């Protein structure tokens, strides 16, 4: 009898908990807000570009098309499991599942076979592209060691810009304690600009910290050592 009474009481308590209505968060049912960097581009960057380059149609103003994150992993030839770690890190950074890249031809000197997985890439468009660039400019770049500005010679001549990173730990989404090895990656920003000048001005207005032309970067030399007599 005692056990039945306990079961009945526990059932009543459980039913009471399930009967309680879940409190919805404040943003439930509301549309997803647009990325703040896209709003900044529309309200501030685009009018400045139209005034500087003399565009008469808003569709002539250069904008971002996509951002590609690419990782080439040579050690995946002998350690295929290392690529799984890279894919997981890229998915954590971008919030999108990466695509594994395969070798197009065999190279005997490197022990590479055609069709073998040797890298991973992610292509971001739309809202995810703008949100990633916002985090990259405001959070990730300031965490680069000994940062002295991005190189202005990394444009490809068609309005696209690429930057190479030595470590993936600059992204706040990566837990430093769980990183087994520092790996580099390449970030390519594809724009609709017709010239590198337009693309550079677009990225400058969005907040990309480029090196200033003619800026002399001081080199710190160690003090001379005195010889003992």
C-alpha atoms as a PDB file:
ATOM      1  CA  UNK A   1       0.000   0.000   0.000  1.00  0.00           C
ATOM      2  CA  UNK A   2       2.790   2.358   0.890  1.00  0.00           C
ATOM      3  CA  UNK A   3       4.502   1.867  -2.451  1.00  0.00           C
ATOM      4  CA  UNK A   4       1.241   2.505  -4.337  1.00  0.00           C
ATOM      5  CA  UNK A   5       0.716   5.720  -2.404  1.00  0.00           C
ATOM      6  CA  UNK A   6       4.272   6.821  -3.199  1.00  0.00           C
ATOM      7  CA  UNK A   7       3.793   6.030  -6.877  1.00  0.00           C
ATOM      8  CA  UNK A   8       0.539   7.952  -6.907  1.00  0.00           C
ATOM      9  CA  UNK A   9       2.167  10.943  -5.231  1.00  0.00           C
ATOM     10  CA  UNK A  10       5.146  10.832  -7.615  1.00  0.00           C
ATOM     11  CA  UNK A  11       2.765  10.589 -10.576  1.00  0.00           C
ATOM     12  CA  UNK A  12       0.859  13.622  -9.391  1.00  0.00           C
ATOM     13  CA  UNK A  13       4.084  15.581  -8.974  1.00  0.00           C
ATOM     14  CA  UNK A  14       5.339  14.581 -12.401  1.00  0.00           C
ATOM     15  CA  UNK A  15       2.025  15.428 -13.981  1.00  0.00           C
ATOM     16  CA  UNK A  16       2.096  18.797 -12.276  1.00  0.00           C
ATOM     17  CA  UNK A  17       5.505  19.584 -13.722  1.00  0.00           C
ATOM     18  CA  UNK A  18       4.500  18.561 -17.226  1.00  0.00           C
ATOM     19  CA  UNK A  19       1.307  20.560 -16.954  1.00  0.00           C
ATOM     20  CA  UNK A  20       3.228  23.760 -16.357  1.00  0.00           C
ATOM     21  CA  UNK A  21       3.344  25.878 -19.509  1.00  0.00           C
ATOM     22  CA  UNK A  22       6.813  26.624 -20.845  1.00  0.00           C
ATOM     23  CA  UNK A  23       7.670  30.290 -20.796  1.00  0.00           C
ATOM     24  CA  UNK A  24       8.698  31.440 -24.298  1.00  0.00           C
ATOM     25  CA  UNK A  25      11.655  33.761 -24.731  1.00  0.00           C
ATOM     26  CA  UNK A  26      11.188  37.403 -25.649  1.00  0.00           C
ATOM     27  CA  UNK A  27      12.043  36.907 -29.334  1.00  0.00           C
ATOM     28  CA  UNK A  28       9.707  33.980 -29.965  1.00  0.00           C
ATOM     29  CA  UNK A  29       7.578  34.480 -33.058  1.00  0.00           C
ATOM     30  CA  UNK A  30       9.520  37.526 -34.251  1.00  0.00           C
ATOM     31  CA  UNK A  31      11.401  37.559 -37.583  1.00  0.00           C
ATOM     32  CA  UNK A  32      15.166  37.084 -37.495  1.00  0.00           C
ATOM     33  CA  UNK A  33      16.894  40.495 -37.499  1.00  0.00           C
ATOM     34  CA  UNK A  34      19.223  41.207 -40.439  1.00  0.00           C
ATOM     35  CA  UNK A  35      22.990  41.270 -39.787  1.00  0.00           C
ATOM     36  CA  UNK A  36      24.175  44.600 -38.472  1.00  0.00           C
ATOM     37  CA  UNK A  37      27.060  44.773 -40.965  1.00  0.00           C
ATOM     38  CA  UNK A  38      24.605  44.464 -43.854  1.00  0.00           C
ATOM     39  CA  UNK A  39      22.559  47.339 -42.431  1.00  0.00           C
ATOM     40  CA  UNK A  40      25.742  49.379 -42.033  1.00  0.00           C
ATOM     41  CA  UNK A  41      26.660  48.681 -45.652  1.00  0.00           C
ATOM     42  CA  UNK A  42      23.232  49.703 -46.895  1.00  0.00           C
ATOM     43  CA  UNK A  43      22.944  52.908 -44.858  1.00  0.00           C
ATOM     44  CA  UNK A  44      26.557  54.139 -44.682  1.00  0.00           C
ATOM     45  CA  UNK A  45      28.993  52.325 -46.966  1.00  0.00           C
ATOM     46  CA  UNK A  46      26.938  52.309 -50.167  1.00  0.00           C
ATOM     47  CA  UNK A  47      26.229  56.096 -50.197  1.00  0.00           C
ATOM     48  CA  UNK A  48      29.931  56.822 -49.619  1.00  0.00           C
ATOM     49  CA  UNK A  49      30.973  54.563 -52.480  1.00  0.00           C
ATOM     50  CA  UNK A  50      28.445  56.167 -54.813  1.00  0.00           C
ATOM     51  CA  UNK A  51      29.744  59.639 -53.967  1.00  0.00           C
ATOM     52  CA  UNK A  52      33.432  58.682 -54.278  1.00  0.00           C
ATOM     53  CA  UNK A  53      33.318  56.714 -57.540  1.00  0.00           C
ATOM     54  CA  UNK A  54      30.427  58.582 -59.167  1.00  0.00           C
ATOM     55  CA  UNK A  55      28.000  55.674 -59.457  1.00  0.00           C
ATOM     56  CA  UNK A  56      24.525  56.675 -60.635  1.00  0.00           C
ATOM     57  CA  UNK A  57      22.818  53.330 -60.098  1.00  0.00           C
ATOM     58  CA  UNK A  58      22.836  51.552 -56.693  1.00  0.00           C
ATOM     59  CA  UNK A  59      23.371  48.254 -58.505  1.00  0.00           C
ATOM     60  CA  UNK A  60      26.752  49.525 -59.727  1.00  0.00           C
ATOM     61  CA  UNK A  61      28.040  49.805 -56.179  1.00  0.00           C
ATOM     62  CA  UNK A  62      30.340  46.873 -55.303  1.00  0.00           C
ATOM     63  CA  UNK A  63      29.169  44.489 -52.615  1.00  0.00           C
ATOM     64  CA  UNK A  64      30.093  41.108 -51.168  1.00  0.00           C
ATOM     65  CA  UNK A  65      29.199  37.943 -53.036  1.00  0.00           C
ATOM     66  CA  UNK A  66      30.612  35.164 -50.864  1.00  0.00           C
ATOM     67  CA  UNK A  67      33.352  34.285 -48.390  1.00  0.00           C
ATOM     68  CA  UNK A  68      35.295  31.042 -48.765  1.00  0.00           C
ATOM     69  CA  UNK A  69      37.276  29.405 -45.961  1.00  0.00           C
ATOM     70  CA  UNK A  70      39.783  26.873 -47.260  1.00  0.00           C
ATOM     71  CA  UNK A  71      42.132  24.507 -45.422  1.00  0.00           C
ATOM     72  CA  UNK A  72      44.729  22.380 -47.204  1.00  0.00           C
ATOM     73  CA  UNK A  73      45.977  19.532 -45.027  1.00  0.00           C
ATOM     74  CA  UNK A  74      49.039  17.728 -46.293  1.00  0.00           C
ATOM     75  CA  UNK A  75      49.263  15.523 -43.222  1.00  0.00           C
ATOM     76  CA  UNK A  76      45.910  13.969 -44.160  1.00  0.00           C
ATOM     77  CA  UNK A  77      47.812  11.749 -46.612  1.00  0.00           C
ATOM     78  CA  UNK A  78      49.259   9.721 -43.752  1.00  0.00           C
ATOM     79  CA  UNK A  79      46.750  10.676 -41.033  1.00  0.00           C
ATOM     80  CA  UNK A  80      43.214  10.688 -42.494  1.00  0.00           C
ATOM     81  CA  UNK A  81      41.682  11.255 -39.051  1.00  0.00           C
ATOM     82  CA  UNK A  82      43.343  14.680 -38.857  1.00  0.00           C
ATOM     83  CA  UNK A  83      40.936  15.891 -41.529  1.00  0.00           C
ATOM     84  CA  UNK A  84      37.985  15.053 -39.293  1.00  0.00           C
ATOM     85  CA  UNK A  85      39.323  17.531 -36.719  1.00  0.00           C
ATOM     86  CA  UNK A  86      39.675  20.235 -39.373  1.00  0.00           C
ATOM     87  CA  UNK A  87      36.135  19.667 -40.617  1.00  0.00           C
ATOM     88  CA  UNK A  88      34.780  19.910 -37.087  1.00  0.00           C
ATOM     89  CA  UNK A  89      36.680  23.147 -36.418  1.00  0.00           C
ATOM     90  CA  UNK A  90      35.470  24.743 -39.654  1.00  0.00           C
ATOM     91  CA  UNK A  91      31.891  23.788 -38.810  1.00  0.00           C
ATOM     92  CA  UNK A  92      32.304  25.345 -35.358  1.00  0.00           C
ATOM     93  CA  UNK A  93      33.731  28.579 -36.775  1.00  0.00           C
ATOM     94  CA  UNK A  94      31.204  29.091 -39.582  1.00  0.00           C
ATOM     95  CA  UNK A  95      28.104  27.249 -38.373  1.00  0.00           C
ATOM     96  CA  UNK A  96      27.945  25.415 -41.698  1.00  0.00           C
ATOM     97  CA  UNK A  97      29.025  21.925 -42.721  1.00  0.00           C
ATOM     98  CA  UNK A  98      32.284  21.999 -44.747  1.00  0.00           C
ATOM     99  CA  UNK A  99      32.921  20.169 -48.008  1.00  0.00           C
ATOM    100  CA  UNK A 100      35.856  17.767 -48.186  1.00  0.00           C
ATOM    101  CA  UNK A 101      38.254  18.404 -51.054  1.00  0.00           C
ATOM    102  CA  UNK A 102      39.867  15.553 -52.998  1.00  0.00           C
ATOM    103  CA  UNK A 103      43.085  15.429 -54.991  1.00  0.00           C
ATOM    104  CA  UNK A 104      42.598  15.862 -58.729  1.00  0.00           C
ATOM    105  CA  UNK A 105      45.650  13.838 -59.711  1.00  0.00           C
ATOM    106  CA  UNK A 106      48.205  11.491 -58.207  1.00  0.00           C
ATOM    107  CA  UNK A 107      51.692  12.668 -57.204  1.00  0.00           C
ATOM    108  CA  UNK A 108      54.078   9.827 -56.471  1.00  0.00           C
ATOM    109  CA  UNK A 109      56.717  11.993 -54.762  1.00  0.00           C
ATOM    110  CA  UNK A 110      54.216  13.060 -52.109  1.00  0.00           C
ATOM    111  CA  UNK A 111      52.506   9.703 -51.843  1.00  0.00           C
ATOM    112  CA  UNK A 112      49.265  11.303 -53.018  1.00  0.00           C
ATOM    113  CA  UNK A 113      46.610   9.325 -54.854  1.00  0.00           C
ATOM    114  CA  UNK A 114      43.873  10.715 -57.068  1.00  0.00           C
ATOM    115  CA  UNK A 115      40.604  11.137 -55.180  1.00  0.00           C
ATOM    116  CA  UNK A 116      42.238  11.195 -51.748  1.00  0.00           C
ATOM    117  CA  UNK A 117      40.809  13.724 -49.269  1.00  0.00           C
ATOM    118  CA  UNK A 118      43.412  16.423 -48.550  1.00  0.00           C
ATOM    119  CA  UNK A 119      41.423  19.460 -47.461  1.00  0.00           C
ATOM    120  CA  UNK A 120      38.122  21.117 -46.596  1.00  0.00           C
ATOM    121  CA  UNK A 121      36.300  24.296 -47.585  1.00  0.00           C
ATOM    122  CA  UNK A 122      33.217  26.286 -46.599  1.00  0.00           C
ATOM    123  CA  UNK A 123      31.383  28.814 -48.785  1.00  0.00           C
ATOM    124  CA  UNK A 124      29.302  31.404 -46.934  1.00  0.00           C
ATOM    125  CA  UNK A 125      26.609  33.522 -48.549  1.00  0.00           C
ATOM    126  CA  UNK A 126      23.788  35.767 -47.407  1.00  0.00           C
ATOM    127  CA  UNK A 127      23.313  36.434 -43.699  1.00  0.00           C
ATOM    128  CA  UNK A 128      25.978  33.952 -42.604  1.00  0.00           C
ATOM    129  CA  UNK A 129      28.522  35.734 -44.796  1.00  0.00           C
ATOM    130  CA  UNK A 130      27.813  39.133 -43.244  1.00  0.00           C
ATOM    131  CA  UNK A 131      27.758  37.754 -39.703  1.00  0.00           C
ATOM    132  CA  UNK A 132      31.056  35.944 -40.191  1.00  0.00           C
ATOM    133  CA  UNK A 133      32.754  39.038 -41.619  1.00  0.00           C
ATOM    134  CA  UNK A 134      31.459  41.084 -38.695  1.00  0.00           C
ATOM    135  CA  UNK A 135      32.962  38.631 -36.181  1.00  0.00           C
ATOM    136  CA  UNK A 136      36.142  38.325 -38.214  1.00  0.00           C
ATOM    137  CA  UNK A 137      36.779  42.079 -38.264  1.00  0.00           C
ATOM    138  CA  UNK A 138      35.695  42.991 -34.750  1.00  0.00           C
ATOM    139  CA  UNK A 139      36.800  39.919 -32.761  1.00  0.00           C
ATOM    140  CA  UNK A 140      39.153  37.569 -34.624  1.00  0.00           C
ATOM    141  CA  UNK A 141      41.617  39.980 -36.274  1.00  0.00           C
ATOM    142  CA  UNK A 142      42.434  41.842 -33.022  1.00  0.00           C
ATOM    143  CA  UNK A 143      43.479  38.496 -31.529  1.00  0.00           C
ATOM    144  CA  UNK A 144      46.273  37.949 -34.078  1.00  0.00           C
ATOM    145  CA  UNK A 145      49.713  38.019 -32.483  1.00  0.00           C
ATOM    146  CA  UNK A 146      51.892  41.025 -33.366  1.00  0.00           C
ATOM    147  CA  UNK A 147      49.242  42.358 -35.717  1.00  0.00           C
ATOM    148  CA  UNK A 148      50.406  45.309 -37.809  1.00  0.00           C
ATOM    149  CA  UNK A 149      47.666  45.538 -40.398  1.00  0.00           C
ATOM    150  CA  UNK A 150      46.520  43.418 -43.316  1.00  0.00           C
ATOM    151  CA  UNK A 151      48.615  43.305 -46.451  1.00  0.00           C
ATOM    152  CA  UNK A 152      47.205  45.408 -49.274  1.00  0.00           C
ATOM    153  CA  UNK A 153      48.950  43.329 -51.969  1.00  0.00           C
ATOM    154  CA  UNK A 154      46.683  40.310 -51.508  1.00  0.00           C
ATOM    155  CA  UNK A 155      44.124  41.457 -54.097  1.00  0.00           C
ATOM    156  CA  UNK A 156      43.920  39.314 -57.214  1.00  0.00           C
ATOM    157  CA  UNK A 157      43.362  42.133 -59.724  1.00  0.00           C
ATOM    158  CA  UNK A 158      39.636  41.403 -60.100  1.00  0.00           C
ATOM    159  CA  UNK A 159      38.325  42.847 -56.848  1.00  0.00           C
ATOM    160  CA  UNK A 160      38.794  39.797 -54.615  1.00  0.00           C
ATOM    161  CA  UNK A 161      40.877  39.667 -51.441  1.00  0.00           C
ATOM    162  CA  UNK A 162      42.498  36.737 -49.643  1.00  0.00           C
ATOM    163  CA  UNK A 163      44.190  36.589 -46.258  1.00  0.00           C
ATOM    164  CA  UNK A 164      46.121  33.677 -44.788  1.00  0.00           C
ATOM    165  CA  UNK A 165      45.897  32.866 -41.102  1.00  0.00           C
ATOM    166  CA  UNK A 166      48.527  30.865 -39.228  1.00  0.00           C
ATOM    167  CA  UNK A 167      46.336  29.715 -36.328  1.00  0.00           C
ATOM    168  CA  UNK A 168      42.697  28.806 -35.969  1.00  0.00           C
ATOM    169  CA  UNK A 169      42.668  29.775 -32.292  1.00  0.00           C
ATOM    170  CA  UNK A 170      42.055  33.447 -33.140  1.00  0.00           C
ATOM    171  CA  UNK A 171      38.400  32.576 -33.620  1.00  0.00           C
ATOM    172  CA  UNK A 172      36.538  32.747 -30.286  1.00  0.00           C
ATOM    173  CA  UNK A 173      34.446  29.705 -31.186  1.00  0.00           C
ATOM    174  CA  UNK A 174      37.532  27.469 -30.860  1.00  0.00           C
ATOM    175  CA  UNK A 175      38.382  26.241 -27.369  1.00  0.00           C
ATOM    176  CA  UNK A 176      42.117  26.617 -26.921  1.00  0.00           C
ATOM    177  CA  UNK A 177      42.328  23.744 -24.426  1.00  0.00           C
ATOM    178  CA  UNK A 178      40.859  21.299 -26.954  1.00  0.00           C
ATOM    179  CA  UNK A 179      43.185  22.203 -29.845  1.00  0.00           C
ATOM    180  CA  UNK A 180      45.686  19.444 -30.584  1.00  0.00           C
ATOM    181  CA  UNK A 181      47.682  21.397 -33.169  1.00  0.00           C
ATOM    182  CA  UNK A 182      47.759  24.891 -34.634  1.00  0.00           C
ATOM    183  CA  UNK A 183      46.603  24.818 -38.252  1.00  0.00           C
ATOM    184  CA  UNK A 184      46.343  27.631 -40.758  1.00  0.00           C
ATOM    185  CA  UNK A 185      43.537  28.514 -43.118  1.00  0.00           C
ATOM    186  CA  UNK A 186      42.773  30.932 -45.929  1.00  0.00           C
ATOM    187  CA  UNK A 187      39.876  33.377 -46.016  1.00  0.00           C
ATOM    188  CA  UNK A 188      38.864  34.649 -49.475  1.00  0.00           C
ATOM    189  CA  UNK A 189      36.423  37.547 -49.792  1.00  0.00           C
ATOM    190  CA  UNK A 190      34.727  37.668 -53.198  1.00  0.00           C
ATOM    191  CA  UNK A 191      33.184  40.990 -54.265  1.00  0.00           C
ATOM    192  CA  UNK A 192      31.468  42.441 -57.307  1.00  0.00           C
ATOM    193  CA  UNK A 193      34.060  45.218 -57.615  1.00  0.00           C
ATOM    194  CA  UNK A 194      35.593  45.750 -61.046  1.00  0.00           C
ATOM    195  CA  UNK A 195      38.950  46.972 -59.751  1.00  0.00           C
ATOM    196  CA  UNK A 196      41.110  46.395 -56.703  1.00  0.00           C
ATOM    197  CA  UNK A 197      40.728  50.065 -55.765  1.00  0.00           C
ATOM    198  CA  UNK A 198      36.968  49.719 -55.454  1.00  0.00           C
ATOM    199  CA  UNK A 199      37.283  46.468 -53.512  1.00  0.00           C
ATOM    200  CA  UNK A 200      39.824  47.935 -51.102  1.00  0.00           C
ATOM    201  CA  UNK A 201      37.687  50.990 -50.439  1.00  0.00           C
ATOM    202  CA  UNK A 202      34.670  48.739 -49.849  1.00  0.00           C
ATOM    203  CA  UNK A 203      36.518  46.617 -47.301  1.00  0.00           C
ATOM    204  CA  UNK A 204      38.057  49.678 -45.641  1.00  0.00           C
ATOM    205  CA  UNK A 205      34.629  51.197 -45.074  1.00  0.00           C
ATOM    206  CA  UNK A 206      33.411  47.872 -43.664  1.00  0.00           C
ATOM    207  CA  UNK A 207      36.224  48.004 -41.106  1.00  0.00           C
ATOM    208  CA  UNK A 208      39.091  45.918 -42.529  1.00  0.00           C
ATOM    209  CA  UNK A 209      42.341  47.191 -40.915  1.00  0.00           C
ATOM    210  CA  UNK A 210      44.744  47.478 -43.860  1.00  0.00           C
ATOM    211  CA  UNK A 211      48.315  48.690 -43.638  1.00  0.00           C
ATOM    212  CA  UNK A 212      48.789  52.322 -44.516  1.00  0.00           C
ATOM    213  CA  UNK A 213      50.830  53.038 -47.626  1.00  0.00           C
ATOM    214  CA  UNK A 214      54.289  54.328 -46.824  1.00  0.00           C
ATOM    215  CA  UNK A 215      54.000  53.401 -43.172  1.00  0.00           C
ATOM    216  CA  UNK A 216      57.340  52.399 -41.698  1.00  0.00           C
ATOM    217  CA  UNK A 217      56.943  49.540 -39.259  1.00  0.00           C
ATOM    218  CA  UNK A 218      59.582  49.860 -36.517  1.00  0.00           C
ATOM    219  CA  UNK A 219      61.834  46.868 -36.001  1.00  0.00           C
ATOM    220  CA  UNK A 220      62.845  46.265 -32.396  1.00  0.00           C
ATOM    221  CA  UNK A 221      66.444  45.113 -32.164  1.00  0.00           C
ATOM    222  CA  UNK A 222      67.846  43.403 -29.089  1.00  0.00           C
ATOM    223  CA  UNK A 223      70.422  45.364 -27.065  1.00  0.00           C
ATOM    224  CA  UNK A 224      74.081  44.599 -27.843  1.00  0.00           C
ATOM    225  CA  UNK A 225      75.765  42.144 -25.563  1.00  0.00           C
ATOM    226  CA  UNK A 226      78.998  43.115 -23.882  1.00  0.00           C
ATOM    227  CA  UNK A 227      81.883  40.756 -24.026  1.00  0.00           C
ATOM    228  CA  UNK A 228      83.574  39.817 -20.803  1.00  0.00           C
ATOM    229  CA  UNK A 229      87.287  40.371 -20.633  1.00  0.00           C
END
